[in-house]
Amino acid sequence: MKIFDPNDYPELHNLFPALTPGQFENSLLHAFGLSQKKIAAVRGVSLVTVNTLISQAKSQFETKSLTGLLTVIHVRLVLFALYGCQRRMGIYTKD
């Protein structure tokens, strides 16, 4: 069962250009609260695959912990959301 297809959200994947689609999907699902075991089950892959992809994502962001990876993901998602709200409200900041 596919619960998340990164190809459906290119604007989100653009926030994480260093990640492969698999790294992005696993990291985002983990950031949304799914355990690595649950990610493996819903994606139909092994737990080893999930762990490997998440470890690779941590390396891309030069963090050794899941907390560090989750922080990077959450901060980028929040900034993306805030930027989108600014655009919809017509609020622009000077560069």
Protein backbone atom coordinates (compact mmCIF):
# COMPACT_ATOMS: atom_id res chain seq x y z
CA MET A 1 0.00 0.00 0.00
CA LYS A 2 1.43 3.36 -1.03
CA ILE A 3 0.44 6.08 1.44
CA PHE A 4 2.77 8.76 0.19
CA ASP A 5 4.17 9.33 -3.25
CA PRO A 6 6.87 12.00 -3.36
CA ASN A 7 6.10 12.58 -7.02
CA ASP A 8 2.73 14.01 -5.93
CA TYR A 9 4.52 16.75 -3.97
CA PRO A 10 7.43 18.09 -6.04
CA GLU A 11 7.34 21.39 -4.19
CA LEU A 12 8.09 19.55 -0.94
CA HIS A 13 10.83 17.44 -2.47
CA ASN A 14 12.38 20.66 -3.78
CA LEU A 15 12.97 21.62 -0.13
CA PHE A 16 15.27 18.62 0.17
CA PRO A 17 17.18 18.46 -3.12
CA ALA A 18 20.03 16.46 -1.58
CA LEU A 19 17.72 13.52 -0.83
CA THR A 20 16.77 10.73 -3.20
CA PRO A 21 13.05 10.03 -3.52
CA GLY A 22 13.41 7.05 -1.16
CA GLN A 23 15.34 9.03 1.43
CA PHE A 24 12.80 11.84 1.17
CA GLU A 25 9.78 9.56 1.49
CA ASN A 26 11.14 7.64 4.48
CA SER A 27 12.35 10.79 6.25
CA LEU A 28 9.10 12.65 5.75
CA LEU A 29 6.98 9.71 6.90
CA HIS A 30 9.18 9.44 9.99
CA ALA A 31 8.82 13.20 10.57
CA PHE A 32 5.05 12.74 10.38
CA GLY A 33 5.29 10.27 13.27
CA LEU A 34 5.49 6.84 11.68
CA SER A 35 7.94 4.41 13.22
CA GLN A 36 10.58 2.86 11.01
CA LYS A 37 8.82 -0.49 11.40
CA LYS A 38 5.50 1.04 10.28
CA ILE A 39 7.19 2.79 7.33
CA ALA A 40 8.60 -0.56 6.21
CA ALA A 41 5.17 -2.17 6.45
CA VAL A 42 3.26 0.52 4.55
CA ARG A 43 5.95 0.89 1.87
CA GLY A 44 6.34 -2.86 1.46
CA VAL A 45 10.10 -2.78 2.01
CA SER A 46 12.36 -4.28 4.64
CA LEU A 47 13.19 -2.55 7.91
CA VAL A 48 16.84 -2.68 6.83
CA THR A 49 15.97 -0.66 3.72
CA VAL A 50 14.14 1.96 5.78
CA ASN A 51 17.00 2.19 8.28
CA THR A 52 19.54 2.51 5.45
CA LEU A 53 17.63 5.26 3.67
CA ILE A 54 17.11 7.22 6.89
CA SER A 55 20.80 6.84 7.76
CA GLN A 56 21.73 8.15 4.32
CA ALA A 57 19.39 11.12 4.81
CA LYS A 58 21.02 11.88 8.16
CA SER A 59 24.41 11.86 6.42
CA GLN A 60 23.18 14.30 3.78
CA PHE A 61 22.30 16.78 6.53
CA GLU A 62 25.42 16.00 8.54
CA THR A 63 23.50 14.88 11.61
CA LYS A 64 24.06 11.70 13.55
CA SER A 65 20.68 11.54 15.26
CA LEU A 66 17.07 11.08 14.22
CA THR A 67 16.24 14.17 16.27
CA GLY A 68 18.63 16.20 14.12
CA LEU A 69 17.07 14.86 10.93
CA LEU A 70 13.56 15.55 12.19
CA THR A 71 14.56 19.07 13.17
CA VAL A 72 15.86 19.83 9.66
CA ILE A 73 12.68 18.46 8.10
CA HIS A 74 10.32 20.25 10.48
CA VAL A 75 12.10 23.61 10.18
CA ARG A 76 12.10 23.49 6.38
CA LEU A 77 8.42 22.50 6.29
CA VAL A 78 7.46 25.32 8.67
CA LEU A 79 9.44 27.89 6.66
CA PHE A 80 7.84 26.59 3.46
CA ALA A 81 4.38 26.96 5.02
CA LEU A 82 5.11 30.47 6.31
CA TYR A 83 6.46 31.57 2.95
CA GLY A 84 3.33 30.21 1.27
CA CYS A 85 1.10 32.13 3.70
CA GLN A 86 3.03 35.33 3.03
CA ARG A 87 2.54 34.92 -0.72
CA ARG A 88 -1.18 34.23 -0.39
CA MET A 89 -1.64 37.25 1.89
CA GLY A 90 0.41 39.50 -0.38
CA ILE A 91 3.09 40.08 2.24
CA TYR A 92 6.53 40.34 0.72
CA THR A 93 9.82 40.97 2.43
CA LYS A 94 12.66 42.94 0.92
CA ASP A 95 15.62 40.89 -0.26
